[in-house]
Amino acid sequence: QVRLVESGGGLVQAGGSLRLSCAASGRTFTTYALGWFRQAPGKEREFVAAISWSGAKVDYAGSVKGRFTISTDNAKNTVYLQMNTLKPEDTAVYYCAADPRGLASRKYDYWGQGTQVTVSS
């Protein structure tokens, strides 16, 4: 079974930074896409960023492009989301997800439990 465990969330001031980690286990992820999503209170879950396991392809939501960076460390079976210049509107629960069919599929089958990110104004 694929297991995804997020960590690294917390409380930061506007303009600060955080790095989220997603530890993946249970499979060889060579052909997978790994993505980050977020959900704020009272709002629908939204896409944040995604990456092919090899790191060859990346995709970002327009609201975070230029501020967030997604990356992988294959040796550690981990995907990261480096979040800089954080804004109060970035406050949400952040989820890691995995898609066996790769980056173009956009059908994520596996999800972590989420980690809370709170940005104070």
PDB file of N, CA and C in Angstrom:
ATOM      1  N   GLN A   1       0.832  -1.189   0.000  1.00  0.00           N
ATOM      2  CA  GLN A   1       0.000   0.000   0.000  1.00  0.00           C
ATOM      3  C   GLN A   1       0.872   1.246   0.000  1.00  0.00           C
ATOM      4  N   VAL A   2       0.489   2.221  -0.812  1.00  0.00           N
ATOM      5  CA  VAL A   2       1.190   3.488  -0.830  1.00  0.00           C
ATOM      6  C   VAL A   2       0.828   4.272   0.424  1.00  0.00           C
ATOM      7  N   ARG A   3       1.841   4.820   1.066  1.00  0.00           N
ATOM      8  CA  ARG A   3       1.630   5.654   2.236  1.00  0.00           C
ATOM      9  C   ARG A   3       2.360   6.973   2.049  1.00  0.00           C
ATOM     10  N   LEU A   4       1.669   8.066   2.336  1.00  0.00           N
ATOM     11  CA  LEU A   4       2.223   9.403   2.234  1.00  0.00           C
ATOM     12  C   LEU A   4       2.044  10.100   3.570  1.00  0.00           C
ATOM     13  N   VAL A   5       3.125  10.639   4.113  1.00  0.00           N
ATOM     14  CA  VAL A   5       3.086  11.295   5.419  1.00  0.00           C
ATOM     15  C   VAL A   5       3.703  12.675   5.302  1.00  0.00           C
ATOM     16  N   GLU A   6       2.890  13.706   5.537  1.00  0.00           N
ATOM     17  CA  GLU A   6       3.353  15.085   5.457  1.00  0.00           C
ATOM     18  C   GLU A   6       3.905  15.544   6.804  1.00  0.00           C
ATOM     19  N   SER A   7       4.830  16.488   6.746  1.00  0.00           N
ATOM     20  CA  SER A   7       5.355  17.126   7.942  1.00  0.00           C
ATOM     21  C   SER A   7       5.893  18.505   7.573  1.00  0.00           C
ATOM     22  N   GLY A   8       6.167  19.322   8.574  1.00  0.00           N
ATOM     23  CA  GLY A   8       6.800  20.609   8.357  1.00  0.00           C
ATOM     24  C   GLY A   8       5.890  21.812   8.474  1.00  0.00           C
ATOM     25  N   GLY A   9       4.604  21.604   8.670  1.00  0.00           N
ATOM     26  CA  GLY A   9       3.699  22.724   8.829  1.00  0.00           C
ATOM     27  C   GLY A   9       3.914  23.437  10.150  1.00  0.00           C
ATOM     28  N   GLY A  10       3.309  24.612  10.266  1.00  0.00           N
ATOM     29  CA  GLY A  10       3.433  25.385  11.487  1.00  0.00           C
ATOM     30  C   GLY A  10       2.886  26.777  11.324  1.00  0.00           C
ATOM     31  N   LEU A  11       3.207  27.636  12.285  1.00  0.00           N
ATOM     32  CA  LEU A  11       2.768  29.025  12.303  1.00  0.00           C
ATOM     33  C   LEU A  11       3.934  29.930  11.945  1.00  0.00           C
ATOM     34  N   VAL A  12       3.732  30.776  10.938  1.00  0.00           N
ATOM     35  CA  VAL A  12       4.758  31.725  10.518  1.00  0.00           C
ATOM     36  C   VAL A  12       4.124  33.082  10.276  1.00  0.00           C
ATOM     37  N   GLN A  13       4.947  34.122  10.320  1.00  0.00           N
ATOM     38  CA  GLN A  13       4.496  35.465   9.998  1.00  0.00           C
ATOM     39  C   GLN A  13       4.502  35.681   8.490  1.00  0.00           C
ATOM     40  N   ALA A  14       3.652  36.583   8.029  1.00  0.00           N
ATOM     41  CA  ALA A  14       3.645  36.932   6.616  1.00  0.00           C
ATOM     42  C   ALA A  14       5.042  37.330   6.164  1.00  0.00           C
ATOM     43  N   GLY A  15       5.436  36.833   5.001  1.00  0.00           N
ATOM     44  CA  GLY A  15       6.771  37.071   4.485  1.00  0.00           C
ATOM     45  C   GLY A  15       7.779  36.004   4.859  1.00  0.00           C
ATOM     46  N   GLY A  16       7.414  35.120   5.762  1.00  0.00           N
ATOM     47  CA  GLY A  16       8.295  34.060   6.196  1.00  0.00           C
ATOM     48  C   GLY A  16       8.266  32.865   5.267  1.00  0.00           C
ATOM     49  N   SER A  17       8.912  31.785   5.696  1.00  0.00           N
ATOM     50  CA  SER A  17       9.022  30.599   4.860  1.00  0.00           C
ATOM     51  C   SER A  17       8.861  29.328   5.677  1.00  0.00           C
ATOM     52  N   LEU A  18       8.471  28.271   4.996  1.00  0.00           N
ATOM     53  CA  LEU A  18       8.382  26.928   5.548  1.00  0.00           C
ATOM     54  C   LEU A  18       8.765  25.936   4.469  1.00  0.00           C
ATOM     55  N   ARG A  19       9.259  24.782   4.866  1.00  0.00           N
ATOM     56  CA  ARG A  19       9.475  23.679   3.943  1.00  0.00           C
ATOM     57  C   ARG A  19       8.671  22.479   4.404  1.00  0.00           C
ATOM     58  N   LEU A  20       7.744  22.048   3.564  1.00  0.00           N
ATOM     59  CA  LEU A  20       6.956  20.862   3.834  1.00  0.00           C
ATOM     60  C   LEU A  20       7.634  19.640   3.237  1.00  0.00           C
ATOM     61  N   SER A  21       7.501  18.511   3.918  1.00  0.00           N
ATOM     62  CA  SER A  21       8.043  17.250   3.443  1.00  0.00           C
ATOM     63  C   SER A  21       6.931  16.228   3.310  1.00  0.00           C
ATOM     64  N   CYS A  22       7.049  15.356   2.323  1.00  0.00           N
ATOM     65  CA  CYS A  22       6.130  14.248   2.133  1.00  0.00           C
ATOM     66  C   CYS A  22       6.956  12.984   1.972  1.00  0.00           C
ATOM     67  N   ALA A  23       6.913  12.123   2.967  1.00  0.00           N
ATOM     68  CA  ALA A  23       7.626  10.853   2.919  1.00  0.00           C
ATOM     69  C   ALA A  23       6.741   9.804   2.274  1.00  0.00           C
ATOM     70  N   ALA A  24       7.224   9.203   1.189  1.00  0.00           N
ATOM     71  CA  ALA A  24       6.465   8.226   0.425  1.00  0.00           C
ATOM     72  C   ALA A  24       7.035   6.835   0.629  1.00  0.00           C
ATOM     73  N   SER A  25       6.169   5.851   0.774  1.00  0.00           N
ATOM     74  CA  SER A  25       6.611   4.483   0.960  1.00  0.00           C
ATOM     75  C   SER A  25       5.602   3.520   0.356  1.00  0.00           C
ATOM     76  N   GLY A  26       6.002   2.267   0.191  1.00  0.00           N
ATOM     77  CA  GLY A  26       5.115   1.220  -0.265  1.00  0.00           C
ATOM     78  C   GLY A  26       5.245   0.841  -1.725  1.00  0.00           C
ATOM     79  N   ARG A  27       5.929   1.635  -2.527  1.00  0.00           N
ATOM     80  CA  ARG A  27       6.082   1.393  -3.964  1.00  0.00           C
ATOM     81  C   ARG A  27       7.410   1.948  -4.463  1.00  0.00           C
ATOM     82  N   THR A  28       7.751   1.547  -5.682  1.00  0.00           N
ATOM     83  CA  THR A  28       8.768   2.237  -6.453  1.00  0.00           C
ATOM     84  C   THR A  28       8.056   3.325  -7.244  1.00  0.00           C
ATOM     85  N   PHE A  29       8.478   4.570  -7.068  1.00  0.00           N
ATOM     86  CA  PHE A  29       7.723   5.719  -7.563  1.00  0.00           C
ATOM     87  C   PHE A  29       8.256   6.288  -8.873  1.00  0.00           C
ATOM     88  N   THR A  30       9.021   5.529  -9.607  1.00  0.00           N
ATOM     89  CA  THR A  30       9.685   6.017 -10.810  1.00  0.00           C
ATOM     90  C   THR A  30       8.735   6.681 -11.797  1.00  0.00           C
ATOM     91  N   THR A  31       7.557   6.120 -12.000  1.00  0.00           N
ATOM     92  CA  THR A  31       6.611   6.631 -12.987  1.00  0.00           C
ATOM     93  C   THR A  31       5.537   7.535 -12.387  1.00  0.00           C
ATOM     94  N   TYR A  32       5.615   7.815 -11.104  1.00  0.00           N
ATOM     95  CA  TYR A  32       4.568   8.565 -10.411  1.00  0.00           C
ATOM     96  C   TYR A  32       4.732  10.068 -10.563  1.00  0.00           C
ATOM     97  N   ALA A  33       3.604  10.772 -10.415  1.00  0.00           N
ATOM     98  CA  ALA A  33       3.602  12.192 -10.133  1.00  0.00           C
ATOM     99  C   ALA A  33       3.302  12.390  -8.655  1.00  0.00           C
ATOM    100  N   LEU A  34       3.972  13.335  -8.040  1.00  0.00           N
ATOM    101  CA  LEU A  34       3.723  13.721  -6.658  1.00  0.00           C
ATOM    102  C   LEU A  34       3.239  15.164  -6.641  1.00  0.00           C
ATOM    103  N   GLY A  35       2.141  15.401  -5.935  1.00  0.00           N
ATOM    104  CA  GLY A  35       1.550  16.724  -5.929  1.00  0.00           C
ATOM    105  C   GLY A  35       1.263  17.231  -4.531  1.00  0.00           C
ATOM    106  N   TRP A  36       1.135  18.553  -4.427  1.00  0.00           N
ATOM    107  CA  TRP A  36       0.694  19.218  -3.216  1.00  0.00           C
ATOM    108  C   TRP A  36      -0.616  19.937  -3.495  1.00  0.00           C
ATOM    109  N   PHE A  37      -1.557  19.764  -2.576  1.00  0.00           N
ATOM    110  CA  PHE A  37      -2.840  20.448  -2.608  1.00  0.00           C
ATOM    111  C   PHE A  37      -3.058  21.129  -1.268  1.00  0.00           C
ATOM    112  N   ARG A  38      -3.998  22.057  -1.221  1.00  0.00           N
ATOM    113  CA  ARG A  38      -4.306  22.702   0.048  1.00  0.00           C
ATOM    114  C   ARG A  38      -5.800  22.981   0.140  1.00  0.00           C
ATOM    115  N   GLN A  39      -6.275  23.067   1.379  1.00  0.00           N
ATOM    116  CA  GLN A  39      -7.675  23.360   1.624  1.00  0.00           C
ATOM    117  C   GLN A  39      -7.789  24.296   2.819  1.00  0.00           C
ATOM    118  N   ALA A  40      -8.349  25.474   2.574  1.00  0.00           N
ATOM    119  CA  ALA A  40      -8.588  26.450   3.616  1.00  0.00           C
ATOM    120  C   ALA A  40      -9.988  26.253   4.187  1.00  0.00           C
ATOM    121  N   PRO A  41     -10.237  26.717   5.416  1.00  0.00           N
ATOM    122  CA  PRO A  41     -11.566  26.569   6.010  1.00  0.00           C
ATOM    123  C   PRO A  41     -12.659  27.166   5.135  1.00  0.00           C
ATOM    124  N   GLY A  42     -13.707  26.394   4.882  1.00  0.00           N
ATOM    125  CA  GLY A  42     -14.827  26.861   4.093  1.00  0.00           C
ATOM    126  C   GLY A  42     -14.600  26.896   2.600  1.00  0.00           C
ATOM    127  N   LYS A  43     -13.450  26.411   2.131  1.00  0.00           N
ATOM    128  CA  LYS A  43     -13.139  26.437   0.714  1.00  0.00           C
ATOM    129  C   LYS A  43     -12.844  25.032   0.202  1.00  0.00           C
ATOM    130  N   GLU A  44     -12.922  24.873  -1.118  1.00  0.00           N
ATOM    131  CA  GLU A  44     -12.608  23.601  -1.739  1.00  0.00           C
ATOM    132  C   GLU A  44     -11.100  23.389  -1.789  1.00  0.00           C
ATOM    133  N   ARG A  45     -10.708  22.129  -1.858  1.00  0.00           N
ATOM    134  CA  ARG A  45      -9.309  21.787  -2.019  1.00  0.00           C
ATOM    135  C   ARG A  45      -8.805  22.285  -3.370  1.00  0.00           C
ATOM    136  N   GLU A  46      -7.609  22.855  -3.397  1.00  0.00           N
ATOM    137  CA  GLU A  46      -7.054  23.378  -4.630  1.00  0.00           C
ATOM    138  C   GLU A  46      -5.643  22.865  -4.876  1.00  0.00           C
ATOM    139  N   PHE A  47      -5.295  22.786  -6.140  1.00  0.00           N
ATOM    140  CA  PHE A  47      -3.981  22.354  -6.564  1.00  0.00           C
ATOM    141  C   PHE A  47      -2.943  23.420  -6.250  1.00  0.00           C
ATOM    142  N   VAL A  48      -1.767  22.987  -5.804  1.00  0.00           N
ATOM    143  CA  VAL A  48      -0.674  23.898  -5.498  1.00  0.00           C
ATOM    144  C   VAL A  48       0.506  23.668  -6.434  1.00  0.00           C
ATOM    145  N   ALA A  49       1.012  22.434  -6.484  1.00  0.00           N
ATOM    146  CA  ALA A  49       2.191  22.124  -7.293  1.00  0.00           C
ATOM    147  C   ALA A  49       2.277  20.626  -7.506  1.00  0.00           C
ATOM    148  N   ALA A  50       2.990  20.215  -8.560  1.00  0.00           N
ATOM    149  CA  ALA A  50       3.212  18.802  -8.821  1.00  0.00           C
ATOM    150  C   ALA A  50       4.549  18.613  -9.506  1.00  0.00           C
ATOM    151  N   ILE A  51       5.084  17.398  -9.404  1.00  0.00           N
ATOM    152  CA  ILE A  51       6.377  17.080  -9.989  1.00  0.00           C
ATOM    153  C   ILE A  51       6.410  15.611 -10.379  1.00  0.00           C
ATOM    154  N   SER A  52       7.045  15.302 -11.507  1.00  0.00           N
ATOM    155  CA  SER A  52       7.335  13.915 -11.820  1.00  0.00           C
ATOM    156  C   SER A  52       8.422  13.428 -10.873  1.00  0.00           C
ATOM    157  N   TRP A  53       8.420  12.138 -10.568  1.00  0.00           N
ATOM    158  CA  TRP A  53       9.362  11.612  -9.582  1.00  0.00           C
ATOM    159  C   TRP A  53      10.808  11.892  -9.959  1.00  0.00           C
ATOM    160  N   SER A  54      11.090  11.872 -11.247  1.00  0.00           N
ATOM    161  CA  SER A  54      12.438  12.160 -11.719  1.00  0.00           C
ATOM    162  C   SER A  54      12.815  13.630 -11.569  1.00  0.00           C
ATOM    163  N   GLY A  55      11.826  14.494 -11.389  1.00  0.00           N
ATOM    164  CA  GLY A  55      12.060  15.922 -11.325  1.00  0.00           C
ATOM    165  C   GLY A  55      12.104  16.609 -12.677  1.00  0.00           C
ATOM    166  N   ALA A  56      11.874  15.869 -13.756  1.00  0.00           N
ATOM    167  CA  ALA A  56      11.985  16.434 -15.091  1.00  0.00           C
ATOM    168  C   ALA A  56      10.860  17.406 -15.422  1.00  0.00           C
ATOM    169  N   LYS A  57       9.713  17.237 -14.813  1.00  0.00           N
ATOM    170  CA  LYS A  57       8.564  18.081 -15.101  1.00  0.00           C
ATOM    171  C   LYS A  57       7.973  18.615 -13.807  1.00  0.00           C
ATOM    172  N   VAL A  58       7.577  19.884 -13.821  1.00  0.00           N
ATOM    173  CA  VAL A  58       6.935  20.514 -12.674  1.00  0.00           C
ATOM    174  C   VAL A  58       5.750  21.338 -13.139  1.00  0.00           C
ATOM    175  N   ASP A  59       4.827  21.596 -12.223  1.00  0.00           N
ATOM    176  CA  ASP A  59       3.655  22.401 -12.513  1.00  0.00           C
ATOM    177  C   ASP A  59       3.277  23.147 -11.244  1.00  0.00           C
ATOM    178  N   TYR A  60       2.867  24.412 -11.389  1.00  0.00           N
ATOM    179  CA  TYR A  60       2.500  25.238 -10.245  1.00  0.00           C
ATOM    180  C   TYR A  60       1.188  25.963 -10.505  1.00  0.00           C
ATOM    181  N   ALA A  61       0.425  26.154  -9.432  1.00  0.00           N
ATOM    182  CA  ALA A  61      -0.699  27.059  -9.505  1.00  0.00           C
ATOM    183  C   ALA A  61      -0.186  28.488  -9.652  1.00  0.00           C
ATOM    184  N   GLY A  62      -0.939  29.315 -10.371  1.00  0.00           N
ATOM    185  CA  GLY A  62      -0.508  30.686 -10.590  1.00  0.00           C
ATOM    186  C   GLY A  62      -0.336  31.480  -9.306  1.00  0.00           C
ATOM    187  N   SER A  63      -1.099  31.146  -8.275  1.00  0.00           N
ATOM    188  CA  SER A  63      -1.048  31.885  -7.025  1.00  0.00           C
ATOM    189  C   SER A  63       0.242  31.665  -6.244  1.00  0.00           C
ATOM    190  N   VAL A  64       0.985  30.605  -6.565  1.00  0.00           N
ATOM    191  CA  VAL A  64       2.206  30.296  -5.827  1.00  0.00           C
ATOM    192  C   VAL A  64       3.453  30.325  -6.696  1.00  0.00           C
ATOM    193  N   LYS A  65       3.304  30.414  -7.994  1.00  0.00           N
ATOM    194  CA  LYS A  65       4.450  30.396  -8.892  1.00  0.00           C
ATOM    195  C   LYS A  65       5.382  31.563  -8.579  1.00  0.00           C
ATOM    196  N   GLY A  66       6.660  31.260  -8.465  1.00  0.00           N
ATOM    197  CA  GLY A  66       7.644  32.261  -8.101  1.00  0.00           C
ATOM    198  C   GLY A  66       7.904  32.344  -6.615  1.00  0.00           C
ATOM    199  N   ARG A  67       7.024  31.787  -5.805  1.00  0.00           N
ATOM    200  CA  ARG A  67       7.197  31.791  -4.356  1.00  0.00           C
ATOM    201  C   ARG A  67       7.455  30.389  -3.798  1.00  0.00           C
ATOM    202  N   PHE A  68       6.816  29.384  -4.389  1.00  0.00           N
ATOM    203  CA  PHE A  68       6.939  28.004  -3.922  1.00  0.00           C
ATOM    204  C   PHE A  68       7.784  27.204  -4.906  1.00  0.00           C
ATOM    205  N   THR A  69       8.515  26.224  -4.388  1.00  0.00           N
ATOM    206  CA  THR A  69       9.313  25.328  -5.215  1.00  0.00           C
ATOM    207  C   THR A  69       9.083  23.896  -4.771  1.00  0.00           C
ATOM    208  N   ILE A  70       8.724  23.031  -5.720  1.00  0.00           N
ATOM    209  CA  ILE A  70       8.551  21.615  -5.430  1.00  0.00           C
ATOM    210  C   ILE A  70       9.788  20.869  -5.914  1.00  0.00           C
ATOM    211  N   SER A  71      10.209  19.861  -5.161  1.00  0.00           N
ATOM    212  CA  SER A  71      11.382  19.087  -5.524  1.00  0.00           C
ATOM    213  C   SER A  71      11.277  17.688  -4.942  1.00  0.00           C
ATOM    214  N   THR A  72      12.124  16.777  -5.429  1.00  0.00           N
ATOM    215  CA  THR A  72      12.172  15.413  -4.915  1.00  0.00           C
ATOM    216  C   THR A  72      13.579  15.061  -4.480  1.00  0.00           C
ATOM    217  N   ASP A  73      13.671  14.157  -3.533  1.00  0.00           N
ATOM    218  CA  ASP A  73      14.917  13.520  -3.158  1.00  0.00           C
ATOM    219  C   ASP A  73      14.654  12.024  -3.273  1.00  0.00           C
ATOM    220  N   ASN A  74      15.020  11.452  -4.414  1.00  0.00           N
ATOM    221  CA  ASN A  74      14.684  10.064  -4.689  1.00  0.00           C
ATOM    222  C   ASN A  74      15.323   9.094  -3.692  1.00  0.00           C
ATOM    223  N   ALA A  75      16.530   9.406  -3.255  1.00  0.00           N
ATOM    224  CA  ALA A  75      17.219   8.531  -2.313  1.00  0.00           C
ATOM    225  C   ALA A  75      16.482   8.441  -0.986  1.00  0.00           C
ATOM    226  N   LYS A  76      15.762   9.496  -0.631  1.00  0.00           N
ATOM    227  CA  LYS A  76      15.016   9.528   0.622  1.00  0.00           C
ATOM    228  C   LYS A  76      13.531   9.255   0.432  1.00  0.00           C
ATOM    229  N   ASN A  77      13.104   9.010  -0.809  1.00  0.00           N
ATOM    230  CA  ASN A  77      11.686   8.808  -1.119  1.00  0.00           C
ATOM    231  C   ASN A  77      10.829   9.935  -0.558  1.00  0.00           C
ATOM    232  N   THR A  78      11.266  11.160  -0.803  1.00  0.00           N
ATOM    233  CA  THR A  78      10.624  12.320  -0.215  1.00  0.00           C
ATOM    234  C   THR A  78      10.417  13.410  -1.260  1.00  0.00           C
ATOM    235  N   VAL A  79       9.273  14.072  -1.193  1.00  0.00           N
ATOM    236  CA  VAL A  79       9.006  15.250  -2.004  1.00  0.00           C
ATOM    237  C   VAL A  79       8.854  16.444  -1.069  1.00  0.00           C
ATOM    238  N   TYR A  80       9.369  17.590  -1.494  1.00  0.00           N
ATOM    239  CA  TYR A  80       9.374  18.787  -0.674  1.00  0.00           C
ATOM    240  C   TYR A  80       8.579  19.901  -1.339  1.00  0.00           C
ATOM    241  N   LEU A  81       8.066  20.789  -0.516  1.00  0.00           N
ATOM    242  CA  LEU A  81       7.484  22.030  -0.993  1.00  0.00           C
ATOM    243  C   LEU A  81       8.105  23.165  -0.191  1.00  0.00           C
ATOM    244  N   GLN A  82       9.017  23.893  -0.819  1.00  0.00           N
ATOM    245  CA  GLN A  82       9.621  25.057  -0.197  1.00  0.00           C
ATOM    246  C   GLN A  82       8.714  26.251  -0.441  1.00  0.00           C
ATOM    247  N   MET A  83       8.237  26.870   0.620  1.00  0.00           N
ATOM    248  CA  MET A  83       7.283  27.966   0.540  1.00  0.00           C
ATOM    249  C   MET A  83       7.944  29.227   1.072  1.00  0.00           C
ATOM    250  N   ASN A  84       8.135  30.202   0.205  1.00  0.00           N
ATOM    251  CA  ASN A  84       8.734  31.476   0.573  1.00  0.00           C
ATOM    252  C   ASN A  84       7.724  32.605   0.391  1.00  0.00           C
ATOM    253  N   THR A  85       8.024  33.737   1.000  1.00  0.00           N
ATOM    254  CA  THR A  85       7.168  34.924   0.908  1.00  0.00           C
ATOM    255  C   THR A  85       5.716  34.554   1.184  1.00  0.00           C
ATOM    256  N   LEU A  86       5.503  33.873   2.282  1.00  0.00           N
ATOM    257  CA  LEU A  86       4.167  33.395   2.609  1.00  0.00           C
ATOM    258  C   LEU A  86       3.212  34.547   2.898  1.00  0.00           C
ATOM    259  N   LYS A  87       1.965  34.344   2.507  1.00  0.00           N
ATOM    260  CA  LYS A  87       0.903  35.318   2.682  1.00  0.00           C
ATOM    261  C   LYS A  87      -0.203  34.717   3.540  1.00  0.00           C
ATOM    262  N   PRO A  88      -1.004  35.548   4.216  1.00  0.00           N
ATOM    263  CA  PRO A  88      -2.107  35.003   5.010  1.00  0.00           C
ATOM    264  C   PRO A  88      -3.045  34.112   4.200  1.00  0.00           C
ATOM    265  N   GLU A  89      -3.227  34.400   2.923  1.00  0.00           N
ATOM    266  CA  GLU A  89      -4.097  33.586   2.091  1.00  0.00           C
ATOM    267  C   GLU A  89      -3.516  32.207   1.769  1.00  0.00           C
ATOM    268  N   ASP A  90      -2.263  31.963   2.142  1.00  0.00           N
ATOM    269  CA  ASP A  90      -1.681  30.631   2.022  1.00  0.00           C
ATOM    270  C   ASP A  90      -2.088  29.716   3.170  1.00  0.00           C
ATOM    271  N   THR A  91      -2.742  30.262   4.177  1.00  0.00           N
ATOM    272  CA  THR A  91      -3.167  29.467   5.327  1.00  0.00           C
ATOM    273  C   THR A  91      -4.122  28.365   4.882  1.00  0.00           C
ATOM    274  N   ALA A  92      -3.792  27.126   5.212  1.00  0.00           N
ATOM    275  CA  ALA A  92      -4.588  25.981   4.792  1.00  0.00           C
ATOM    276  C   ALA A  92      -3.974  24.715   5.362  1.00  0.00           C
ATOM    277  N   VAL A  93      -4.707  23.621   5.243  1.00  0.00           N
ATOM    278  CA  VAL A  93      -4.131  22.305   5.439  1.00  0.00           C
ATOM    279  C   VAL A  93      -3.544  21.866   4.106  1.00  0.00           C
ATOM    280  N   TYR A  94      -2.283  21.480   4.106  1.00  0.00           N
ATOM    281  CA  TYR A  94      -1.587  21.070   2.896  1.00  0.00           C
ATOM    282  C   TYR A  94      -1.493  19.551   2.837  1.00  0.00           C
ATOM    283  N   TYR A  95      -1.867  18.994   1.687  1.00  0.00           N
ATOM    284  CA  TYR A  95      -1.894  17.561   1.480  1.00  0.00           C
ATOM    285  C   TYR A  95      -0.921  17.143   0.385  1.00  0.00           C
ATOM    286  N   CYS A  96      -0.260  16.035   0.603  1.00  0.00           N
ATOM    287  CA  CYS A  96       0.558  15.392  -0.406  1.00  0.00           C
ATOM    288  C   CYS A  96      -0.269  14.323  -1.104  1.00  0.00           C
ATOM    289  N   ALA A  97      -0.081  14.167  -2.412  1.00  0.00           N
ATOM    290  CA  ALA A  97      -0.823  13.182  -3.181  1.00  0.00           C
ATOM    291  C   ALA A  97       0.070  12.543  -4.236  1.00  0.00           C
ATOM    292  N   ALA A  98      -0.285  11.326  -4.650  1.00  0.00           N
ATOM    293  CA  ALA A  98       0.486  10.581  -5.638  1.00  0.00           C
ATOM    294  C   ALA A  98      -0.418  10.051  -6.740  1.00  0.00           C
ATOM    295  N   ASP A  99       0.060  10.139  -7.976  1.00  0.00           N
ATOM    296  CA  ASP A  99      -0.672   9.690  -9.161  1.00  0.00           C
ATOM    297  C   ASP A  99       0.183   8.673  -9.892  1.00  0.00           C
ATOM    298  N   PRO A 100      -0.235   7.405  -9.941  1.00  0.00           N
ATOM    299  CA  PRO A 100       0.584   6.375 -10.606  1.00  0.00           C
ATOM    300  C   PRO A 100       0.791   6.605 -12.087  1.00  0.00           C
ATOM    301  N   ARG A 101      -0.056   7.393 -12.729  1.00  0.00           N
ATOM    302  CA  ARG A 101      -0.027   7.562 -14.179  1.00  0.00           C
ATOM    303  C   ARG A 101       0.827   8.731 -14.641  1.00  0.00           C
ATOM    304  N   GLY A 102       1.448   9.433 -13.722  1.00  0.00           N
ATOM    305  CA  GLY A 102       2.344  10.504 -14.087  1.00  0.00           C
ATOM    306  C   GLY A 102       1.703  11.875 -14.047  1.00  0.00           C
ATOM    307  N   LEU A 103       2.480  12.882 -14.410  1.00  0.00           N
ATOM    308  CA  LEU A 103       2.086  14.274 -14.219  1.00  0.00           C
ATOM    309  C   LEU A 103       0.888  14.686 -15.064  1.00  0.00           C
ATOM    310  N   ALA A 104       0.767  14.150 -16.262  1.00  0.00           N
ATOM    311  CA  ALA A 104      -0.293  14.580 -17.175  1.00  0.00           C
ATOM    312  C   ALA A 104      -1.664  14.013 -16.831  1.00  0.00           C
ATOM    313  N   SER A 105      -1.717  12.995 -16.011  1.00  0.00           N
ATOM    314  CA  SER A 105      -2.980  12.322 -15.714  1.00  0.00           C
ATOM    315  C   SER A 105      -3.940  13.182 -14.898  1.00  0.00           C
ATOM    316  N   ARG A 106      -3.429  13.837 -13.867  1.00  0.00           N
ATOM    317  CA  ARG A 106      -4.221  14.666 -12.955  1.00  0.00           C
ATOM    318  C   ARG A 106      -5.295  13.867 -12.222  1.00  0.00           C
ATOM    319  N   LYS A 107      -5.032  12.589 -12.009  1.00  0.00           N
ATOM    320  CA  LYS A 107      -5.923  11.726 -11.253  1.00  0.00           C
ATOM    321  C   LYS A 107      -5.135  11.132 -10.091  1.00  0.00           C
ATOM    322  N   TYR A 108      -5.204  11.784  -8.963  1.00  0.00           N
ATOM    323  CA  TYR A 108      -4.407  11.390  -7.809  1.00  0.00           C
ATOM    324  C   TYR A 108      -5.150  10.344  -6.988  1.00  0.00           C
ATOM    325  N   ASP A 109      -4.523   9.196  -6.810  1.00  0.00           N
ATOM    326  CA  ASP A 109      -5.144   8.055  -6.150  1.00  0.00           C
ATOM    327  C   ASP A 109      -4.823   7.951  -4.672  1.00  0.00           C
ATOM    328  N   TYR A 110      -3.701   8.514  -4.245  1.00  0.00           N
ATOM    329  CA  TYR A 110      -3.221   8.346  -2.881  1.00  0.00           C
ATOM    330  C   TYR A 110      -3.004   9.702  -2.234  1.00  0.00           C
ATOM    331  N   TRP A 111      -3.391   9.783  -0.959  1.00  0.00           N
ATOM    332  CA  TRP A 111      -3.355  11.055  -0.233  1.00  0.00           C
ATOM    333  C   TRP A 111      -2.813  10.875   1.172  1.00  0.00           C
ATOM    334  N   GLY A 112      -2.087  11.878   1.640  1.00  0.00           N
ATOM    335  CA  GLY A 112      -1.664  11.906   3.023  1.00  0.00           C
ATOM    336  C   GLY A 112      -2.729  12.514   3.917  1.00  0.00           C
ATOM    337  N   GLN A 113      -2.408  12.636   5.203  1.00  0.00           N
ATOM    338  CA  GLN A 113      -3.358  13.145   6.184  1.00  0.00           C
ATOM    339  C   GLN A 113      -3.367  14.661   6.288  1.00  0.00           C
ATOM    340  N   GLY A 114      -2.347  15.319   5.773  1.00  0.00           N
ATOM    341  CA  GLY A 114      -2.294  16.764   5.768  1.00  0.00           C
ATOM    342  C   GLY A 114      -1.468  17.348   6.903  1.00  0.00           C
ATOM    343  N   THR A 115      -0.971  18.557   6.680  1.00  0.00           N
ATOM    344  CA  THR A 115      -0.247  19.302   7.698  1.00  0.00           C
ATOM    345  C   THR A 115      -0.695  20.759   7.649  1.00  0.00           C
ATOM    346  N   GLN A 116      -0.930  21.344   8.819  1.00  0.00           N
ATOM    347  CA  GLN A 116      -1.486  22.688   8.906  1.00  0.00           C
ATOM    348  C   GLN A 116      -0.408  23.743   8.706  1.00  0.00           C
ATOM    349  N   VAL A 117      -0.696  24.705   7.836  1.00  0.00           N
ATOM    350  CA  VAL A 117       0.142  25.883   7.650  1.00  0.00           C
ATOM    351  C   VAL A 117      -0.699  27.108   7.982  1.00  0.00           C
ATOM    352  N   THR A 118      -0.228  27.913   8.925  1.00  0.00           N
ATOM    353  CA  THR A 118      -0.931  29.125   9.318  1.00  0.00           C
ATOM    354  C   THR A 118       0.014  30.313   9.165  1.00  0.00           C
ATOM    355  N   VAL A 119      -0.418  31.317   8.406  1.00  0.00           N
ATOM    356  CA  VAL A 119       0.380  32.509   8.158  1.00  0.00           C
ATOM    357  C   VAL A 119      -0.333  33.694   8.786  1.00  0.00           C
ATOM    358  N   SER A 120       0.298  34.326   9.753  1.00  0.00           N
ATOM    359  CA  SER A 120      -0.300  35.452  10.452  1.00  0.00           C
ATOM    360  C   SER A 120       0.000  36.755   9.723  1.00  0.00           C
ATOM    361  N   SER A 121      -0.929  37.698   9.813  1.00  0.00           N
ATOM    362  CA  SER A 121      -0.773  38.986   9.161  1.00  0.00           C
ATOM    363  C   SER A 121      -0.117  39.999  10.081  1.00  0.00           C
TER     364      SER A 121
END
